Amino acid sequence: MVDIISYFCFGLGIVFWFWGTVPLVGDRSVLFKLHSLSVADTLGSMSIVVGLLLKIPNEWPLLILALISLAIWNTILGYVLAYCSSSRE
């Protein structure tokens, strides 16, 4: 049962990654595209790390650190890129 949930998390993460790239081909603003991509990338990566956590539970300290790092650094990087992009306009 844990393997099925783990594979579901892997699949969900890949779906989020591809779902985040769909707005890149649209004609919306750069900031909308950046926001969509960063949110989907963060959720996809975190889902994959949760799947890894279920698959190899003896590595939980490293994987919890990876989850925290993803949540903090992807968010901060998205804000920095948006700030740099909006200051040029």
N, C-alpha and C. Protein backbone atom coordinates (compact mmCIF):
# COMPACT_ATOMS: atom_id res chain seq x y z
N MET A 1 0.82 -1.19 0.00
CA MET A 1 0.00 0.00 0.00
C MET A 1 0.87 1.26 0.00
N VAL A 2 1.96 1.22 0.75
CA VAL A 2 2.86 2.37 0.80
C VAL A 2 3.49 2.61 -0.57
N ASP A 3 3.80 1.53 -1.29
CA ASP A 3 4.37 1.69 -2.63
C ASP A 3 3.39 2.37 -3.58
N ILE A 4 2.13 2.02 -3.48
CA ILE A 4 1.12 2.63 -4.36
C ILE A 4 1.00 4.13 -4.06
N ILE A 5 0.97 4.49 -2.79
CA ILE A 5 0.88 5.91 -2.42
C ILE A 5 2.14 6.64 -2.86
N SER A 6 3.29 5.98 -2.72
CA SER A 6 4.55 6.58 -3.14
C SER A 6 4.57 6.84 -4.65
N TYR A 7 4.16 5.86 -5.42
CA TYR A 7 4.12 6.04 -6.88
C TYR A 7 3.08 7.09 -7.27
N PHE A 8 1.99 7.17 -6.53
CA PHE A 8 0.99 8.21 -6.78
C PHE A 8 1.60 9.59 -6.56
N CYS A 9 2.40 9.75 -5.50
CA CYS A 9 3.06 11.03 -5.24
C CYS A 9 4.05 11.37 -6.34
N PHE A 10 4.79 10.37 -6.84
CA PHE A 10 5.71 10.60 -7.96
C PHE A 10 4.95 11.08 -9.19
N GLY A 11 3.87 10.38 -9.50
CA GLY A 11 3.06 10.76 -10.67
C GLY A 11 2.44 12.13 -10.52
N LEU A 12 1.95 12.43 -9.32
CA LEU A 12 1.37 13.74 -9.07
C LEU A 12 2.41 14.84 -9.23
N GLY A 13 3.62 14.58 -8.77
CA GLY A 13 4.69 15.55 -8.92
C GLY A 13 5.03 15.82 -10.38
N ILE A 14 5.07 14.78 -11.17
CA ILE A 14 5.36 14.96 -12.60
C ILE A 14 4.23 15.71 -13.29
N VAL A 15 2.98 15.41 -12.90
CA VAL A 15 1.84 16.14 -13.46
C VAL A 15 1.93 17.62 -13.11
N PHE A 16 2.28 17.95 -11.87
CA PHE A 16 2.43 19.35 -11.49
C PHE A 16 3.54 20.03 -12.29
N TRP A 17 4.65 19.33 -12.52
CA TRP A 17 5.73 19.92 -13.30
C TRP A 17 5.26 20.27 -14.71
N PHE A 18 4.57 19.34 -15.36
CA PHE A 18 4.10 19.62 -16.71
C PHE A 18 2.97 20.64 -16.72
N TRP A 19 2.13 20.61 -15.70
CA TRP A 19 1.03 21.56 -15.60
C TRP A 19 1.57 22.98 -15.46
N GLY A 20 2.69 23.16 -14.79
CA GLY A 20 3.29 24.47 -14.63
C GLY A 20 3.89 25.03 -15.90
N THR A 21 4.23 24.16 -16.84
CA THR A 21 4.81 24.65 -18.10
C THR A 21 3.75 25.07 -19.11
N VAL A 22 2.51 24.68 -18.92
CA VAL A 22 1.45 25.01 -19.87
C VAL A 22 1.26 26.53 -20.00
N PRO A 23 1.23 27.32 -18.91
CA PRO A 23 1.05 28.76 -19.07
C PRO A 23 2.20 29.47 -19.79
N LEU A 24 3.34 28.82 -19.94
CA LEU A 24 4.47 29.45 -20.60
C LEU A 24 4.21 29.73 -22.08
N VAL A 25 3.34 28.95 -22.70
CA VAL A 25 3.06 29.14 -24.12
C VAL A 25 1.93 30.14 -24.36
N GLY A 26 1.30 30.63 -23.31
CA GLY A 26 0.21 31.59 -23.45
C GLY A 26 0.72 33.01 -23.66
N ASP A 27 -0.20 33.93 -23.77
CA ASP A 27 0.17 35.33 -23.99
C ASP A 27 -0.11 36.20 -22.75
N ARG A 28 -0.02 35.60 -21.58
CA ARG A 28 -0.20 36.34 -20.33
C ARG A 28 1.08 37.07 -19.98
N SER A 29 1.07 37.80 -18.89
CA SER A 29 2.25 38.56 -18.49
C SER A 29 3.36 37.63 -17.99
N VAL A 30 4.55 38.18 -17.98
CA VAL A 30 5.71 37.40 -17.52
C VAL A 30 5.55 37.03 -16.06
N LEU A 31 5.01 37.92 -15.24
CA LEU A 31 4.85 37.64 -13.83
C LEU A 31 3.83 36.52 -13.58
N PHE A 32 2.77 36.48 -14.38
CA PHE A 32 1.80 35.38 -14.26
C PHE A 32 2.46 34.05 -14.62
N LYS A 33 3.25 34.07 -15.68
CA LYS A 33 3.94 32.85 -16.10
C LYS A 33 4.92 32.39 -15.03
N LEU A 34 5.64 33.34 -14.46
CA LEU A 34 6.61 33.01 -13.41
C LEU A 34 5.92 32.46 -12.18
N HIS A 35 4.81 33.06 -11.80
CA HIS A 35 4.07 32.59 -10.63
C HIS A 35 3.55 31.17 -10.86
N SER A 36 2.95 30.93 -12.01
CA SER A 36 2.42 29.59 -12.30
C SER A 36 3.52 28.55 -12.30
N LEU A 37 4.64 28.89 -12.90
CA LEU A 37 5.73 27.93 -12.97
C LEU A 37 6.33 27.66 -11.59
N SER A 38 6.51 28.69 -10.79
CA SER A 38 7.14 28.47 -9.48
C SER A 38 6.22 27.71 -8.52
N VAL A 39 4.94 27.98 -8.55
CA VAL A 39 4.01 27.25 -7.68
C VAL A 39 3.94 25.78 -8.09
N ALA A 40 3.79 25.53 -9.38
CA ALA A 40 3.70 24.15 -9.84
C ALA A 40 5.00 23.40 -9.60
N ASP A 41 6.12 24.06 -9.78
CA ASP A 41 7.42 23.42 -9.55
C ASP A 41 7.59 23.08 -8.07
N THR A 42 7.20 23.99 -7.21
CA THR A 42 7.31 23.73 -5.78
C THR A 42 6.41 22.57 -5.35
N LEU A 43 5.17 22.58 -5.78
CA LEU A 43 4.25 21.50 -5.41
C LEU A 43 4.69 20.16 -6.00
N GLY A 44 5.16 20.17 -7.25
CA GLY A 44 5.62 18.94 -7.87
C GLY A 44 6.84 18.37 -7.18
N SER A 45 7.80 19.23 -6.89
CA SER A 45 9.02 18.77 -6.23
C SER A 45 8.72 18.27 -4.82
N MET A 46 7.84 18.96 -4.11
CA MET A 46 7.50 18.53 -2.75
C MET A 46 6.74 17.20 -2.78
N SER A 47 5.90 17.01 -3.78
CA SER A 47 5.18 15.74 -3.90
C SER A 47 6.14 14.59 -4.16
N ILE A 48 7.13 14.83 -4.99
CA ILE A 48 8.12 13.79 -5.27
C ILE A 48 8.95 13.49 -4.03
N VAL A 49 9.30 14.50 -3.26
CA VAL A 49 10.06 14.26 -2.03
C VAL A 49 9.22 13.49 -1.01
N VAL A 50 7.92 13.78 -0.95
CA VAL A 50 7.04 13.01 -0.06
C VAL A 50 6.99 11.55 -0.52
N GLY A 51 6.94 11.33 -1.83
CA GLY A 51 6.98 9.96 -2.34
C GLY A 51 8.28 9.26 -1.96
N LEU A 52 9.39 9.98 -2.03
CA LEU A 52 10.66 9.41 -1.60
C LEU A 52 10.67 9.13 -0.11
N LEU A 53 10.04 10.01 0.66
CA LEU A 53 9.96 9.81 2.11
C LEU A 53 9.19 8.54 2.44
N LEU A 54 8.15 8.25 1.68
CA LEU A 54 7.40 7.02 1.89
C LEU A 54 8.19 5.80 1.42
N LYS A 55 8.98 5.97 0.38
CA LYS A 55 9.73 4.86 -0.20
C LYS A 55 10.95 4.49 0.63
N ILE A 56 11.68 5.51 1.11
CA ILE A 56 12.89 5.26 1.91
C ILE A 56 12.80 6.04 3.23
N PRO A 57 12.05 5.52 4.19
CA PRO A 57 11.81 6.26 5.43
C PRO A 57 13.05 6.41 6.31
N ASN A 58 14.09 5.63 6.08
CA ASN A 58 15.28 5.77 6.93
C ASN A 58 16.09 7.02 6.58
N GLU A 59 15.75 7.70 5.51
CA GLU A 59 16.41 8.95 5.11
C GLU A 59 15.55 10.17 5.46
N TRP A 60 14.68 10.04 6.45
CA TRP A 60 13.73 11.12 6.73
C TRP A 60 14.38 12.44 7.13
N PRO A 61 15.49 12.51 7.86
CA PRO A 61 16.05 13.83 8.18
C PRO A 61 16.46 14.62 6.94
N LEU A 62 17.09 13.94 6.00
CA LEU A 62 17.51 14.60 4.78
C LEU A 62 16.31 15.02 3.93
N LEU A 63 15.30 14.16 3.87
CA LEU A 63 14.13 14.47 3.05
C LEU A 63 13.27 15.56 3.67
N ILE A 64 13.18 15.62 4.99
CA ILE A 64 12.46 16.72 5.65
C ILE A 64 13.20 18.03 5.41
N LEU A 65 14.52 17.99 5.46
CA LEU A 65 15.31 19.18 5.15
C LEU A 65 15.08 19.61 3.71
N ALA A 66 14.98 18.66 2.80
CA ALA A 66 14.70 18.98 1.40
C ALA A 66 13.33 19.62 1.24
N LEU A 67 12.32 19.12 1.98
CA LEU A 67 10.98 19.71 1.92
C LEU A 67 10.99 21.15 2.41
N ILE A 68 11.66 21.39 3.52
CA ILE A 68 11.72 22.75 4.07
C ILE A 68 12.47 23.67 3.12
N SER A 69 13.57 23.18 2.56
CA SER A 69 14.35 23.99 1.63
C SER A 69 13.55 24.33 0.38
N LEU A 70 12.82 23.36 -0.14
CA LEU A 70 11.99 23.63 -1.31
C LEU A 70 10.93 24.68 -1.02
N ALA A 71 10.29 24.55 0.12
CA ALA A 71 9.23 25.50 0.47
C ALA A 71 9.78 26.92 0.63
N ILE A 72 10.95 27.04 1.22
CA ILE A 72 11.51 28.38 1.47
C ILE A 72 12.18 28.94 0.23
N TRP A 73 13.10 28.19 -0.36
CA TRP A 73 13.93 28.75 -1.42
C TRP A 73 13.19 28.93 -2.73
N ASN A 74 12.29 28.03 -3.09
CA ASN A 74 11.52 28.25 -4.31
C ASN A 74 10.64 29.48 -4.19
N THR A 75 10.08 29.70 -3.02
CA THR A 75 9.25 30.89 -2.80
C THR A 75 10.09 32.15 -2.87
N ILE A 76 11.21 32.16 -2.19
CA ILE A 76 12.07 33.34 -2.19
C ILE A 76 12.60 33.62 -3.59
N LEU A 77 13.02 32.59 -4.31
CA LEU A 77 13.52 32.79 -5.66
C LEU A 77 12.44 33.35 -6.57
N GLY A 78 11.21 32.89 -6.42
CA GLY A 78 10.11 33.44 -7.22
C GLY A 78 9.89 34.92 -6.94
N TYR A 79 9.96 35.31 -5.67
CA TYR A 79 9.81 36.72 -5.33
C TYR A 79 10.96 37.56 -5.87
N VAL A 80 12.17 37.05 -5.77
CA VAL A 80 13.33 37.80 -6.27
C VAL A 80 13.25 37.98 -7.78
N LEU A 81 12.91 36.92 -8.49
CA LEU A 81 12.78 37.05 -9.94
C LEU A 81 11.65 37.99 -10.33
N ALA A 82 10.54 37.94 -9.61
CA ALA A 82 9.44 38.87 -9.90
C ALA A 82 9.84 40.30 -9.62
N TYR A 83 10.57 40.53 -8.53
CA TYR A 83 11.03 41.88 -8.21
C TYR A 83 11.98 42.41 -9.28
N CYS A 84 12.90 41.57 -9.70
CA CYS A 84 13.86 41.99 -10.73
C CYS A 84 13.15 42.23 -12.06
N SER A 85 12.15 41.44 -12.35
CA SER A 85 11.41 41.61 -13.59
C SER A 85 10.56 42.87 -13.57
N SER A 86 9.94 43.17 -12.43
CA SER A 86 9.06 44.34 -12.37
C SER A 86 9.85 45.64 -12.26
N SER A 87 11.08 45.60 -11.79
CA SER A 87 11.86 46.83 -11.66
C SER A 87 12.37 47.30 -13.03
N ARG A 88 12.37 46.42 -14.02
CA ARG A 88 12.81 46.80 -15.36
C ARG A 88 11.72 47.43 -16.19
N GLU A 89 10.48 47.21 -15.80
CA GLU A 89 9.36 47.73 -16.61
C GLU A 89 9.07 49.16 -16.30
